[in-house]
């Protein structure tokens, strides 16, 4: 019976160790996720600005083409 108790205690210690490692891993992942989320938000803002610049440039090119063709006619 003493062997059973020692094995049970050892198993509980191992379980506790695994739980502590898992909690530490979860905390590290949460920090990493927050960092990734911040970077994605910054990239989203940059993409919106780039899209706006491309749309503005497209409108300007179309306006210039129309002006050139109106001047030729």
PDB file of N, CA and C in Angstrom:
ATOM      1  N   UNK A   1       0.825  -1.194   0.000  1.00  0.00           N
ATOM      2  CA  UNK A   1       0.000   0.000   0.000  1.00  0.00           C
ATOM      3  C   UNK A   1       0.870   1.259   0.000  1.00  0.00           C
ATOM      4  N   UNK A   2       2.030   1.162   0.617  1.00  0.00           N
ATOM      5  CA  UNK A   2       2.948   2.289   0.670  1.00  0.00           C
ATOM      6  C   UNK A   2       3.464   2.649  -0.717  1.00  0.00           C
ATOM      7  N   UNK A   3       3.701   1.623  -1.560  1.00  0.00           N
ATOM      8  CA  UNK A   3       4.142   1.866  -2.924  1.00  0.00           C
ATOM      9  C   UNK A   3       3.059   2.589  -3.715  1.00  0.00           C
ATOM     10  N   UNK A   4       1.823   2.209  -3.473  1.00  0.00           N
ATOM     11  CA  UNK A   4       0.692   2.837  -4.161  1.00  0.00           C
ATOM     12  C   UNK A   4       0.598   4.309  -3.783  1.00  0.00           C
ATOM     13  N   UNK A   5       0.787   4.624  -2.531  1.00  0.00           N
ATOM     14  CA  UNK A   5       0.717   6.007  -2.071  1.00  0.00           C
ATOM     15  C   UNK A   5       1.862   6.826  -2.660  1.00  0.00           C
ATOM     16  N   UNK A   6       3.062   6.255  -2.682  1.00  0.00           N
ATOM     17  CA  UNK A   6       4.212   6.960  -3.250  1.00  0.00           C
ATOM     18  C   UNK A   6       4.000   7.211  -4.739  1.00  0.00           C
ATOM     19  N   UNK A   7       3.465   6.226  -5.431  1.00  0.00           N
ATOM     20  CA  UNK A   7       3.193   6.389  -6.862  1.00  0.00           C
ATOM     21  C   UNK A   7       2.114   7.440  -7.080  1.00  0.00           C
ATOM     22  N   UNK A   8       1.117   7.462  -6.221  1.00  0.00           N
ATOM     23  CA  UNK A   8       0.036   8.435  -6.329  1.00  0.00           C
ATOM     24  C   UNK A   8       0.566   9.848  -6.102  1.00  0.00           C
ATOM     25  N   UNK A   9       1.432  10.001  -5.094  1.00  0.00           N
ATOM     26  CA  UNK A   9       2.019  11.311  -4.810  1.00  0.00           C
ATOM     27  C   UNK A   9       2.885  11.757  -5.983  1.00  0.00           C
ATOM     28  N   UNK A  10       3.656  10.843  -6.524  1.00  0.00           N
ATOM     29  CA  UNK A  10       4.520  11.169  -7.666  1.00  0.00           C
ATOM     30  C   UNK A  10       3.674  11.576  -8.872  1.00  0.00           C
ATOM     31  N   UNK A  11       2.573  10.870  -9.073  1.00  0.00           N
ATOM     32  CA  UNK A  11       1.700  11.197 -10.194  1.00  0.00           C
ATOM     33  C   UNK A  11       1.064  12.573  -9.991  1.00  0.00           C
ATOM     34  N   UNK A  12       0.666  12.887  -8.769  1.00  0.00           N
ATOM     35  CA  UNK A  12       0.082  14.196  -8.474  1.00  0.00           C
ATOM     36  C   UNK A  12       1.108  15.303  -8.696  1.00  0.00           C
ATOM     37  N   UNK A  13       2.353  15.056  -8.285  1.00  0.00           N
ATOM     38  CA  UNK A  13       3.405  16.052  -8.494  1.00  0.00           C
ATOM     39  C   UNK A  13       3.640  16.283  -9.978  1.00  0.00           C
ATOM     40  N   UNK A  14       3.641  15.212 -10.743  1.00  0.00           N
ATOM     41  CA  UNK A  14       3.845  15.334 -12.181  1.00  0.00           C
ATOM     42  C   UNK A  14       2.672  16.073 -12.827  1.00  0.00           C
ATOM     43  N   UNK A  15       1.468  15.769 -12.367  1.00  0.00           N
ATOM     44  CA  UNK A  15       0.283  16.452 -12.891  1.00  0.00           C
ATOM     45  C   UNK A  15       0.354  17.945 -12.574  1.00  0.00           C
ATOM     46  N   UNK A  16       0.744  18.271 -11.361  1.00  0.00           N
ATOM     47  CA  UNK A  16       0.874  19.673 -10.966  1.00  0.00           C
ATOM     48  C   UNK A  16       1.932  20.385 -11.813  1.00  0.00           C
ATOM     49  N   UNK A  17       3.040  19.715 -12.060  1.00  0.00           N
ATOM     50  CA  UNK A  17       4.102  20.296 -12.886  1.00  0.00           C
ATOM     51  C   UNK A  17       3.603  20.580 -14.297  1.00  0.00           C
ATOM     52  N   UNK A  18       2.869  19.634 -14.863  1.00  0.00           N
ATOM     53  CA  UNK A  18       2.334  19.818 -16.217  1.00  0.00           C
ATOM     54  C   UNK A  18       1.329  20.959 -16.243  1.00  0.00           C
ATOM     55  N   UNK A  19       0.497  21.056 -15.217  1.00  0.00           N
ATOM     56  CA  UNK A  19      -0.481  22.143 -15.154  1.00  0.00           C
ATOM     57  C   UNK A  19       0.216  23.497 -15.065  1.00  0.00           C
ATOM     58  N   UNK A  20       1.288  23.577 -14.275  1.00  0.00           N
ATOM     59  CA  UNK A  20       2.027  24.834 -14.147  1.00  0.00           C
ATOM     60  C   UNK A  20       2.696  25.211 -15.461  1.00  0.00           C
ATOM     61  N   UNK A  21       3.264  24.231 -16.151  1.00  0.00           N
ATOM     62  CA  UNK A  21       3.888  24.499 -17.449  1.00  0.00           C
ATOM     63  C   UNK A  21       2.848  24.947 -18.467  1.00  0.00           C
ATOM     64  N   UNK A  22       1.678  24.331 -18.416  1.00  0.00           N
ATOM     65  CA  UNK A  22       0.609  24.705 -19.342  1.00  0.00           C
ATOM     66  C   UNK A  22       0.130  26.128 -19.070  1.00  0.00           C
ATOM     67  N   UNK A  23      -0.012  26.488 -17.807  1.00  0.00           N
ATOM     68  CA  UNK A  23      -0.424  27.853 -17.467  1.00  0.00           C
ATOM     69  C   UNK A  23       0.619  28.869 -17.935  1.00  0.00           C
ATOM     70  N   UNK A  24       1.894  28.552 -17.739  1.00  0.00           N
ATOM     71  CA  UNK A  24       2.951  29.455 -18.198  1.00  0.00           C
ATOM     72  C   UNK A  24       2.908  29.598 -19.717  1.00  0.00           C
ATOM     73  N   UNK A  25       2.670  28.497 -20.402  1.00  0.00           N
ATOM     74  CA  UNK A  25       2.574  28.518 -21.866  1.00  0.00           C
ATOM     75  C   UNK A  25       1.387  29.369 -22.313  1.00  0.00           C
ATOM     76  N   UNK A  26       0.261  29.228 -21.637  1.00  0.00           N
ATOM     77  CA  UNK A  26      -0.925  30.010 -21.993  1.00  0.00           C
ATOM     78  C   UNK A  26      -0.680  31.505 -21.799  1.00  0.00           C
ATOM     79  N   UNK A  27       0.009  31.877 -20.716  1.00  0.00           N
ATOM     80  CA  UNK A  27       0.314  33.291 -20.481  1.00  0.00           C
ATOM     81  C   UNK A  27       1.230  33.837 -21.577  1.00  0.00           C
ATOM     82  N   UNK A  28       2.228  33.054 -21.946  1.00  0.00           N
ATOM     83  CA  UNK A  28       3.150  33.481 -23.001  1.00  0.00           C
ATOM     84  C   UNK A  28       2.416  33.633 -24.336  1.00  0.00           C
ATOM     85  N   UNK A  29       1.532  32.705 -24.616  1.00  0.00           N
ATOM     86  CA  UNK A  29       0.751  32.790 -25.863  1.00  0.00           C
ATOM     87  C   UNK A  29      -0.162  34.005 -25.860  1.00  0.00           C
ATOM     88  N   UNK A  30      -0.734  34.337 -24.702  1.00  0.00           N
ATOM     89  CA  UNK A  30      -1.609  35.508 -24.615  1.00  0.00           C
ATOM     90  C   UNK A  30      -0.817  36.783 -24.911  1.00  0.00           C
ATOM     91  N   UNK A  31       0.403  36.859 -24.395  1.00  0.00           N
ATOM     92  CA  UNK A  31       1.252  38.027 -24.663  1.00  0.00           C
ATOM     93  C   UNK A  31       1.596  38.091 -26.145  1.00  0.00           C
ATOM     94  N   UNK A  32       1.947  36.960 -26.716  1.00  0.00           N
ATOM     95  CA  UNK A  32       2.298  36.905 -28.134  1.00  0.00           C
ATOM     96  C   UNK A  32       1.083  37.272 -28.995  1.00  0.00           C
ATOM     97  N   UNK A  33      -0.102  36.779 -28.634  1.00  0.00           N
ATOM     98  CA  UNK A  33      -1.315  37.082 -29.385  1.00  0.00           C
ATOM     99  C   UNK A  33      -1.609  38.581 -29.351  1.00  0.00           C
ATOM    100  N   UNK A  34      -1.428  39.204 -28.179  1.00  0.00           N
ATOM    101  CA  UNK A  34      -1.671  40.647 -28.064  1.00  0.00           C
ATOM    102  C   UNK A  34      -0.717  41.424 -28.970  1.00  0.00           C
ATOM    103  N   UNK A  35       0.523  40.989 -29.019  1.00  0.00           N
ATOM    104  CA  UNK A  35       1.509  41.649 -29.875  1.00  0.00           C
ATOM    105  C   UNK A  35       1.139  41.501 -31.351  1.00  0.00           C
ATOM    106  N   UNK A  36       0.749  40.315 -31.736  1.00  0.00           N
ATOM    107  CA  UNK A  36       0.354  40.072 -33.129  1.00  0.00           C
ATOM    108  C   UNK A  36      -0.879  40.904 -33.476  1.00  0.00           C
ATOM    109  N   UNK A  37      -1.821  40.997 -32.548  1.00  0.00           N
ATOM    110  CA  UNK A  37      -3.045  41.769 -32.787  1.00  0.00           C
ATOM    111  C   UNK A  37      -2.713  43.242 -33.007  1.00  0.00           C
ATOM    112  N   UNK A  38      -1.793  43.792 -32.203  1.00  0.00           N
ATOM    113  CA  UNK A  38      -1.393  45.189 -32.372  1.00  0.00           C
ATOM    114  C   UNK A  38      -0.766  45.417 -33.746  1.00  0.00           C
ATOM    115  N   UNK A  39       0.083  44.504 -34.163  1.00  0.00           N
ATOM    116  CA  UNK A  39       0.726  44.635 -35.469  1.00  0.00           C
ATOM    117  C   UNK A  39      -0.302  44.547 -36.597  1.00  0.00           C
ATOM    118  N   UNK A  40      -1.283  43.666 -36.466  1.00  0.00           N
ATOM    119  CA  UNK A  40      -2.321  43.554 -37.491  1.00  0.00           C
ATOM    120  C   UNK A  40      -3.152  44.826 -37.576  1.00  0.00           C
ATOM    121  N   UNK A  41      -3.447  45.430 -36.440  1.00  0.00           N
ATOM    122  CA  UNK A  41      -4.210  46.680 -36.459  1.00  0.00           C
ATOM    123  C   UNK A  41      -3.420  47.794 -37.143  1.00  0.00           C
ATOM    124  N   UNK A  42      -2.116  47.847 -36.880  1.00  0.00           N
ATOM    125  CA  UNK A  42      -1.280  48.858 -37.528  1.00  0.00           C
ATOM    126  C   UNK A  42      -1.229  48.620 -39.037  1.00  0.00           C
ATOM    127  N   UNK A  43      -1.122  47.355 -39.429  1.00  0.00           N
ATOM    128  CA  UNK A  43      -1.107  47.036 -40.858  1.00  0.00           C
ATOM    129  C   UNK A  43      -2.444  47.371 -41.515  1.00  0.00           C
ATOM    130  N   UNK A  44      -3.532  47.178 -40.791  1.00  0.00           N
ATOM    131  CA  UNK A  44      -4.856  47.500 -41.334  1.00  0.00           C
ATOM    132  C   UNK A  44      -4.953  48.989 -41.654  1.00  0.00           C
ATOM    133  N   UNK A  45      -4.435  49.815 -40.756  1.00  0.00           N
ATOM    134  CA  UNK A  45      -4.453  51.263 -40.990  1.00  0.00           C
ATOM    135  C   UNK A  45      -3.596  51.628 -42.200  1.00  0.00           C
ATOM    136  N   UNK A  46      -2.438  51.004 -42.321  1.00  0.00           N
ATOM    137  CA  UNK A  46      -1.560  51.289 -43.460  1.00  0.00           C
ATOM    138  C   UNK A  46      -2.215  50.845 -44.760  1.00  0.00           C
ATOM    139  N   UNK A  47      -2.856  49.696 -44.758  1.00  0.00           N
ATOM    140  CA  UNK A  47      -3.531  49.202 -45.966  1.00  0.00           C
ATOM    141  C   UNK A  47      -4.647  50.154 -46.380  1.00  0.00           C
ATOM    142  N   UNK A  48      -5.386  50.692 -45.408  1.00  0.00           N
ATOM    143  CA  UNK A  48      -6.467  51.611 -45.737  1.00  0.00           C
ATOM    144  C   UNK A  48      -5.896  52.856 -46.415  1.00  0.00           C
ATOM    145  N   UNK A  49      -4.776  53.365 -45.883  1.00  0.00           N
ATOM    146  CA  UNK A  49      -4.150  54.547 -46.495  1.00  0.00           C
ATOM    147  C   UNK A  49      -3.680  54.233 -47.909  1.00  0.00           C
ATOM    148  N   UNK A  50      -3.073  53.066 -48.099  1.00  0.00           N
ATOM    149  CA  UNK A  50      -2.613  52.691 -49.440  1.00  0.00           C
ATOM    150  C   UNK A  50      -3.779  52.570 -50.412  1.00  0.00           C
ATOM    151  N   UNK A  51      -4.867  51.966 -49.964  1.00  0.00           N
ATOM    152  CA  UNK A  51      -6.040  51.846 -50.825  1.00  0.00           C
ATOM    153  C   UNK A  51      -6.569  53.228 -51.214  1.00  0.00           C
ATOM    154  N   UNK A  52      -6.609  54.136 -50.264  1.00  0.00           N
ATOM    155  CA  UNK A  52      -7.088  55.490 -50.545  1.00  0.00           C
ATOM    156  C   UNK A  52      -6.176  56.182 -51.553  1.00  0.00           C
ATOM    157  N   UNK A  53      -4.860  56.002 -51.402  1.00  0.00           N
ATOM    158  CA  UNK A  53      -3.922  56.611 -52.340  1.00  0.00           C
ATOM    159  C   UNK A  53      -4.091  56.024 -53.742  1.00  0.00           C
ATOM    160  N   UNK A  54      -4.276  54.721 -53.837  1.00  0.00           N
ATOM    161  CA  UNK A  54      -4.459  54.080 -55.142  1.00  0.00           C
ATOM    162  C   UNK A  54      -5.747  54.562 -55.800  1.00  0.00           C
ATOM    163  N   UNK A  55      -6.818  54.658 -55.030  1.00  0.00           N
ATOM    164  CA  UNK A  55      -8.088  55.125 -55.597  1.00  0.00           C
ATOM    165  C   UNK A  55      -7.970  56.571 -56.066  1.00  0.00           C
ATOM    166  N   UNK A  56      -7.305  57.407 -55.269  1.00  0.00           N
ATOM    167  CA  UNK A  56      -7.106  58.807 -55.658  1.00  0.00           C
ATOM    168  C   UNK A  56      -6.276  58.915 -56.917  1.00  0.00           C
ATOM    169  N   UNK A  57      -5.222  58.113 -57.006  1.00  0.00           N
ATOM    170  CA  UNK A  57      -4.369  58.126 -58.198  1.00  0.00           C
ATOM    171  C   UNK A  57      -5.145  57.661 -59.427  1.00  0.00           C
ATOM    172  N   UNK A  58      -5.972  56.661 -59.252  1.00  0.00           N
ATOM    173  CA  UNK A  58      -6.780  56.155 -60.369  1.00  0.00           C
ATOM    174  C   UNK A  58      -7.725  57.233 -60.880  1.00  0.00           C
ATOM    175  N   UNK A  59      -8.356  57.947 -59.977  1.00  0.00           N
ATOM    176  CA  UNK A  59      -9.268  59.028 -60.377  1.00  0.00           C
ATOM    177  C   UNK A  59      -8.492  60.111 -61.132  1.00  0.00           C
ATOM    178  N   UNK A  60      -7.311  60.445 -60.655  1.00  0.00           N
ATOM    179  CA  UNK A  60      -6.506  61.466 -61.328  1.00  0.00           C
ATOM    180  C   UNK A  60      -6.092  61.024 -62.729  1.00  0.00           C
ATOM    181  N   UNK A  61      -5.697  59.770 -62.886  1.00  0.00           N
ATOM    182  CA  UNK A  61      -5.291  59.262 -64.202  1.00  0.00           C
ATOM    183  C   UNK A  61      -6.483  59.278 -65.154  1.00  0.00           C
ATOM    184  N   UNK A  62      -7.626  58.829 -64.685  1.00  0.00           N
ATOM    185  CA  UNK A  62      -8.824  58.836 -65.542  1.00  0.00           C
ATOM    186  C   UNK A  62      -9.174  60.269 -65.925  1.00  0.00           C
ATOM    187  N   UNK A  63      -9.094  61.194 -64.991  1.00  0.00           N
ATOM    188  CA  UNK A  63      -9.396  62.597 -65.285  1.00  0.00           C
ATOM    189  C   UNK A  63      -8.411  63.155 -66.310  1.00  0.00           C
ATOM    190  N   UNK A  64      -7.135  62.808 -66.186  1.00  0.00           N
ATOM    191  CA  UNK A  64      -6.145  63.279 -67.154  1.00  0.00           C
ATOM    192  C   UNK A  64      -6.400  62.698 -68.535  1.00  0.00           C
ATOM    193  N   UNK A  65      -6.751  61.412 -68.606  1.00  0.00           N
ATOM    194  CA  UNK A  65      -7.037  60.782 -69.899  1.00  0.00           C
ATOM    195  C   UNK A  65      -8.251  61.444 -70.549  1.00  0.00           C
ATOM    196  N   UNK A  66      -9.278  61.671 -69.766  1.00  0.00           N
ATOM    197  CA  UNK A  66     -10.480  62.328 -70.298  1.00  0.00           C
ATOM    198  C   UNK A  66     -10.121  63.724 -70.803  1.00  0.00           C
ATOM    199  N   UNK A  67      -9.318  64.472 -70.049  1.00  0.00           N
ATOM    200  CA  UNK A  67      -8.931  65.819 -70.449  1.00  0.00           C
ATOM    201  C   UNK A  67      -8.123  65.786 -71.742  1.00  0.00           C
ATOM    202  N   UNK A  68      -7.218  64.842 -71.879  1.00  0.00           N
ATOM    203  CA  UNK A  68      -6.405  64.732 -73.096  1.00  0.00           C
ATOM    204  C   UNK A  68      -7.297  64.425 -74.286  1.00  0.00           C
ATOM    205  N   UNK A  69      -8.207  63.464 -74.145  1.00  0.00           N
ATOM    206  CA  UNK A  69      -9.093  63.112 -75.252  1.00  0.00           C
ATOM    207  C   UNK A  69     -10.068  64.219 -75.591  1.00  0.00           C
ATOM    208  N   UNK A  70     -10.482  64.988 -74.616  1.00  0.00           N
ATOM    209  CA  UNK A  70     -11.388  66.112 -74.888  1.00  0.00           C
ATOM    210  C   UNK A  70     -10.614  67.204 -75.620  1.00  0.00           C
ATOM    211  N   UNK A  71      -9.354  67.353 -75.320  1.00  0.00           N
ATOM    212  CA  UNK A  71      -8.529  68.375 -75.977  1.00  0.00           C
ATOM    213  C   UNK A  71      -8.212  68.012 -77.411  1.00  0.00           C
ATOM    214  N   UNK A  72      -8.097  66.706 -77.714  1.00  0.00           N
ATOM    215  CA  UNK A  72      -7.795  66.248 -79.050  1.00  0.00           C
ATOM    216  C   UNK A  72      -9.009  66.436 -79.959  1.00  0.00           C
ATOM    217  N   UNK A  73     -10.180  66.212 -79.436  1.00  0.00           N
ATOM    218  CA  UNK A  73     -11.385  66.273 -80.265  1.00  0.00           C
ATOM    219  C   UNK A  73     -11.768  67.632 -80.635  1.00  0.00           C
TER     220      UNK A  73
END
